[in-house]
Amino acid sequence: MNILNTTEMEKITGGNAWICLVVAAVIVFLSGVIEGITNPERCNNIETN
């Protein structure tokens, strides 16, 4: 196993996809919460006319 110094560690890239997925999931969840608060409707939205 090699011991990396600081400059070698800064050159390592990766993990960006997971960060993007987590951020997207948080945005989708929060938008659903905000929509549910501002526009509360029942889940079974069946018209009975």
PDB file of N, CA and C in Angstrom:
ATOM      1  N   MET A   1       0.850  -1.159   0.000  1.00  0.00           N
ATOM      2  CA  MET A   1       0.000   0.000   0.000  1.00  0.00           C
ATOM      3  C   MET A   1       0.902   1.230   0.000  1.00  0.00           C
ATOM      4  N   ASN A   2       0.593   2.195  -0.870  1.00  0.00           N
ATOM      5  CA  ASN A   2       1.368   3.426  -0.932  1.00  0.00           C
ATOM      6  C   ASN A   2       0.746   4.493  -0.048  1.00  0.00           C
ATOM      7  N   ILE A   3       1.587   5.278   0.559  1.00  0.00           N
ATOM      8  CA  ILE A   3       1.134   6.418   1.346  1.00  0.00           C
ATOM      9  C   ILE A   3       1.161   7.638   0.433  1.00  0.00           C
ATOM     10  N   LEU A   4       0.010   8.283   0.298  1.00  0.00           N
ATOM     11  CA  LEU A   4      -0.109   9.436  -0.587  1.00  0.00           C
ATOM     12  C   LEU A   4       0.158  10.724   0.186  1.00  0.00           C
ATOM     13  N   ASN A   5       0.846  11.636  -0.477  1.00  0.00           N
ATOM     14  CA  ASN A   5       1.013  12.942   0.155  1.00  0.00           C
ATOM     15  C   ASN A   5      -0.129  13.858  -0.285  1.00  0.00           C
ATOM     16  N   THR A   6      -0.122  15.088   0.161  1.00  0.00           N
ATOM     17  CA  THR A   6      -1.242  15.996  -0.069  1.00  0.00           C
ATOM     18  C   THR A   6      -1.448  16.290  -1.550  1.00  0.00           C
ATOM     19  N   THR A   7      -0.390  16.508  -2.302  1.00  0.00           N
ATOM     20  CA  THR A   7      -0.554  16.836  -3.725  1.00  0.00           C
ATOM     21  C   THR A   7      -1.097  15.663  -4.512  1.00  0.00           C
ATOM     22  N   GLU A   8      -0.695  14.459  -4.163  1.00  0.00           N
ATOM     23  CA  GLU A   8      -1.229  13.280  -4.838  1.00  0.00           C
ATOM     24  C   GLU A   8      -2.698  13.065  -4.497  1.00  0.00           C
ATOM     25  N   MET A   9      -3.079  13.371  -3.282  1.00  0.00           N
ATOM     26  CA  MET A   9      -4.469  13.210  -2.877  1.00  0.00           C
ATOM     27  C   MET A   9      -5.363  14.224  -3.577  1.00  0.00           C
ATOM     28  N   GLU A  10      -4.869  15.419  -3.823  1.00  0.00           N
ATOM     29  CA  GLU A  10      -5.671  16.438  -4.490  1.00  0.00           C
ATOM     30  C   GLU A  10      -5.897  16.108  -5.965  1.00  0.00           C
ATOM     31  N   LYS A  11      -5.062  15.271  -6.559  1.00  0.00           N
ATOM     32  CA  LYS A  11      -5.208  14.902  -7.960  1.00  0.00           C
ATOM     33  C   LYS A  11      -6.250  13.811  -8.179  1.00  0.00           C
ATOM     34  N   ILE A  12      -6.664  13.146  -7.115  1.00  0.00           N
ATOM     35  CA  ILE A  12      -7.630  12.058  -7.224  1.00  0.00           C
ATOM     36  C   ILE A  12      -9.013  12.653  -7.439  1.00  0.00           C
ATOM     37  N   THR A  13      -9.709  12.173  -8.478  1.00  0.00           N
ATOM     38  CA  THR A  13     -11.071  12.638  -8.742  1.00  0.00           C
ATOM     39  C   THR A  13     -12.022  11.455  -8.625  1.00  0.00           C
ATOM     40  N   GLY A  14     -13.268  11.752  -8.455  1.00  0.00           N
ATOM     41  CA  GLY A  14     -14.281  10.710  -8.366  1.00  0.00           C
ATOM     42  C   GLY A  14     -15.312  11.041  -7.322  1.00  0.00           C
ATOM     43  N   GLY A  15     -16.416  10.339  -7.339  1.00  0.00           N
ATOM     44  CA  GLY A  15     -17.470  10.547  -6.370  1.00  0.00           C
ATOM     45  C   GLY A  15     -18.435  11.650  -6.742  1.00  0.00           C
ATOM     46  N   ASN A  16     -18.226  12.280  -7.876  1.00  0.00           N
ATOM     47  CA  ASN A  16     -19.089  13.388  -8.258  1.00  0.00           C
ATOM     48  C   ASN A  16     -20.495  12.911  -8.575  1.00  0.00           C
ATOM     49  N   ALA A  17     -20.647  11.742  -9.125  1.00  0.00           N
ATOM     50  CA  ALA A  17     -21.969  11.233  -9.485  1.00  0.00           C
ATOM     51  C   ALA A  17     -22.821  11.018  -8.238  1.00  0.00           C
ATOM     52  N   TRP A  18     -22.242  10.493  -7.180  1.00  0.00           N
ATOM     53  CA  TRP A  18     -23.011  10.273  -5.951  1.00  0.00           C
ATOM     54  C   TRP A  18     -23.459  11.580  -5.342  1.00  0.00           C
ATOM     55  N   ILE A  19     -22.600  12.583  -5.381  1.00  0.00           N
ATOM     56  CA  ILE A  19     -22.965  13.889  -4.831  1.00  0.00           C
ATOM     57  C   ILE A  19     -24.129  14.473  -5.623  1.00  0.00           C
ATOM     58  N   CYS A  20     -24.071  14.370  -6.944  1.00  0.00           N
ATOM     59  CA  CYS A  20     -25.149  14.885  -7.789  1.00  0.00           C
ATOM     60  C   CYS A  20     -26.457  14.144  -7.526  1.00  0.00           C
ATOM     61  N   LEU A  21     -26.400  12.838  -7.354  1.00  0.00           N
ATOM     62  CA  LEU A  21     -27.607  12.068  -7.081  1.00  0.00           C
ATOM     63  C   LEU A  21     -28.225  12.435  -5.732  1.00  0.00           C
ATOM     64  N   VAL A  22     -27.401  12.629  -4.739  1.00  0.00           N
ATOM     65  CA  VAL A  22     -27.906  12.995  -3.413  1.00  0.00           C
ATOM     66  C   VAL A  22     -28.544  14.377  -3.461  1.00  0.00           C
ATOM     67  N   VAL A  23     -27.891  15.327  -4.125  1.00  0.00           N
ATOM     68  CA  VAL A  23     -28.442  16.677  -4.233  1.00  0.00           C
ATOM     69  C   VAL A  23     -29.769  16.652  -4.986  1.00  0.00           C
ATOM     70  N   ALA A  24     -29.855  15.889  -6.071  1.00  0.00           N
ATOM     71  CA  ALA A  24     -31.099  15.785  -6.835  1.00  0.00           C
ATOM     72  C   ALA A  24     -32.205  15.153  -5.995  1.00  0.00           C
ATOM     73  N   ALA A  25     -31.876  14.124  -5.223  1.00  0.00           N
ATOM     74  CA  ALA A  25     -32.874  13.470  -4.377  1.00  0.00           C
ATOM     75  C   ALA A  25     -33.400  14.417  -3.309  1.00  0.00           C
ATOM     76  N   VAL A  26     -32.525  15.216  -2.732  1.00  0.00           N
ATOM     77  CA  VAL A  26     -32.949  16.181  -1.711  1.00  0.00           C
ATOM     78  C   VAL A  26     -33.861  17.244  -2.329  1.00  0.00           C
ATOM     79  N   ILE A  27     -33.512  17.716  -3.529  1.00  0.00           N
ATOM     80  CA  ILE A  27     -34.337  18.724  -4.194  1.00  0.00           C
ATOM     81  C   ILE A  27     -35.726  18.172  -4.519  1.00  0.00           C
ATOM     82  N   VAL A  28     -35.780  16.940  -5.022  1.00  0.00           N
ATOM     83  CA  VAL A  28     -37.072  16.324  -5.349  1.00  0.00           C
ATOM     84  C   VAL A  28     -37.904  16.130  -4.085  1.00  0.00           C
ATOM     85  N   PHE A  29     -37.282  15.673  -3.014  1.00  0.00           N
ATOM     86  CA  PHE A  29     -38.012  15.457  -1.763  1.00  0.00           C
ATOM     87  C   PHE A  29     -38.552  16.766  -1.206  1.00  0.00           C
ATOM     88  N   LEU A  30     -37.709  17.794  -1.171  1.00  0.00           N
ATOM     89  CA  LEU A  30     -38.150  19.079  -0.631  1.00  0.00           C
ATOM     90  C   LEU A  30     -39.229  19.719  -1.492  1.00  0.00           C
ATOM     91  N   SER A  31     -39.145  19.568  -2.802  1.00  0.00           N
ATOM     92  CA  SER A  31     -40.200  20.121  -3.650  1.00  0.00           C
ATOM     93  C   SER A  31     -41.525  19.406  -3.405  1.00  0.00           C
ATOM     94  N   GLY A  32     -41.489  18.112  -3.146  1.00  0.00           N
ATOM     95  CA  GLY A  32     -42.701  17.379  -2.798  1.00  0.00           C
ATOM     96  C   GLY A  32     -43.283  17.824  -1.472  1.00  0.00           C
ATOM     97  N   VAL A  33     -42.431  18.070  -0.497  1.00  0.00           N
ATOM     98  CA  VAL A  33     -42.901  18.547   0.805  1.00  0.00           C
ATOM     99  C   VAL A  33     -43.538  19.922   0.665  1.00  0.00           C
ATOM    100  N   ILE A  34     -42.887  20.813  -0.069  1.00  0.00           N
ATOM    101  CA  ILE A  34     -43.422  22.169  -0.246  1.00  0.00           C
ATOM    102  C   ILE A  34     -44.738  22.130  -1.019  1.00  0.00           C
ATOM    103  N   GLU A  35     -44.825  21.275  -2.041  1.00  0.00           N
ATOM    104  CA  GLU A  35     -46.079  21.162  -2.788  1.00  0.00           C
ATOM    105  C   GLU A  35     -47.188  20.610  -1.904  1.00  0.00           C
ATOM    106  N   GLY A  36     -46.859  19.654  -1.061  1.00  0.00           N
ATOM    107  CA  GLY A  36     -47.861  19.092  -0.163  1.00  0.00           C
ATOM    108  C   GLY A  36     -48.360  20.094   0.855  1.00  0.00           C
ATOM    109  N   ILE A  37     -47.511  21.003   1.277  1.00  0.00           N
ATOM    110  CA  ILE A  37     -47.919  22.031   2.244  1.00  0.00           C
ATOM    111  C   ILE A  37     -48.763  23.100   1.557  1.00  0.00           C
ATOM    112  N   THR A  38     -48.350  23.521   0.371  1.00  0.00           N
ATOM    113  CA  THR A  38     -49.051  24.615  -0.301  1.00  0.00           C
ATOM    114  C   THR A  38     -50.290  24.165  -1.049  1.00  0.00           C
ATOM    115  N   ASN A  39     -50.382  22.900  -1.460  1.00  0.00           N
ATOM    116  CA  ASN A  39     -51.518  22.411  -2.232  1.00  0.00           C
ATOM    117  C   ASN A  39     -51.968  21.058  -1.678  1.00  0.00           C
ATOM    118  N   PRO A  40     -52.544  21.044  -0.482  1.00  0.00           N
ATOM    119  CA  PRO A  40     -52.915  19.757   0.115  1.00  0.00           C
ATOM    120  C   PRO A  40     -54.145  19.158  -0.574  1.00  0.00           C
ATOM    121  N   GLU A  41     -53.994  17.976  -1.121  1.00  0.00           N
ATOM    122  CA  GLU A  41     -55.092  17.231  -1.726  1.00  0.00           C
ATOM    123  C   GLU A  41     -55.027  15.797  -1.234  1.00  0.00           C
ATOM    124  N   ARG A  42     -56.146  15.130  -1.326  1.00  0.00           N
ATOM    125  CA  ARG A  42     -56.159  13.723  -0.922  1.00  0.00           C
ATOM    126  C   ARG A  42     -55.442  12.883  -1.953  1.00  0.00           C
ATOM    127  N   CYS A  43     -54.903  11.760  -1.531  1.00  0.00           N
ATOM    128  CA  CYS A  43     -54.180  10.879  -2.447  1.00  0.00           C
ATOM    129  C   CYS A  43     -55.119  10.205  -3.434  1.00  0.00           C
ATOM    130  N   ASN A  44     -56.313   9.808  -2.981  1.00  0.00           N
ATOM    131  CA  ASN A  44     -57.286   9.181  -3.886  1.00  0.00           C
ATOM    132  C   ASN A  44     -58.205  10.275  -4.422  1.00  0.00           C
ATOM    133  N   ASN A  45     -57.754  10.978  -5.419  1.00  0.00           N
ATOM    134  CA  ASN A  45     -58.428  12.146  -5.959  1.00  0.00           C
ATOM    135  C   ASN A  45     -59.422  11.721  -7.041  1.00  0.00           C
ATOM    136  N   ILE A  46     -60.430  10.898  -6.664  1.00  0.00           N
ATOM    137  CA  ILE A  46     -61.396  10.359  -7.625  1.00  0.00           C
ATOM    138  C   ILE A  46     -62.650  11.233  -7.579  1.00  0.00           C
ATOM    139  N   GLU A  47     -63.090  11.651  -8.765  1.00  0.00           N
ATOM    140  CA  GLU A  47     -64.321  12.450  -8.854  1.00  0.00           C
ATOM    141  C   GLU A  47     -65.528  11.518  -8.683  1.00  0.00           C
ATOM    142  N   THR A  48     -66.519  11.935  -7.926  1.00  0.00           N
ATOM    143  CA  THR A  48     -67.695  11.097  -7.675  1.00  0.00           C
ATOM    144  C   THR A  48     -68.932  11.631  -8.402  1.00  0.00           C
ATOM    145  N   ASN A  49     -68.779  12.413  -9.425  1.00  0.00           N
ATOM    146  CA  ASN A  49     -69.922  12.967 -10.164  1.00  0.00           C
ATOM    147  C   ASN A  49     -70.463  11.983 -11.145  1.00  0.00           C
TER     148      ASN A  49
END
